[in-house]
Amino acid sequence: QVQLAESGGGLVQAGDSLTLSCVFSGDTFSNYAMGWFRQVPGKEREVVAAISRTGGSLYYSDSMDVEGRFTISRDNAKNTMYLQMYNLKPEDTAIYYCAADWMISDVPMIDHYANWGQGTQVTVSS
């Protein structure tokens, strides 16, 4: 059974940086496409960024102004995915979730993930 555990959230000021981590267990990590999502109260959960099994292909949301500020990466030797967030803005405040799904091809997935973590809160004050 796949389990995902996020960490690294917190309360920061606008302009600060944070790095979120997602530790994967229960199967072979390198067989899974991974993604970061976020959700604010009253809105649907949305994809922030996604990464293919090998890390060779990335996706960033084009509706959130994250490309250039956020960097998704993974370390298959450590069973861990990361989201480095720079120049954080108050509108980045949300619960951030990691997600995983088994993939044959080496492409990012942006929806329909089968496995989810519990989420970590990121709050950015102005």
Foldseek 3Di string as FASTA:
>chain_A
DKAKAKDWADEEAAQAKIKMKIAIDDDQQLQKKKFKWWDDPPDDIFTAKIFFSVRPEIDGDPVPPFVVFWDWGADSVRRMIMIIGGRDDQVVWTWMKMFIDGDDDGYTDGDDGDYIYPTDTHGYHD
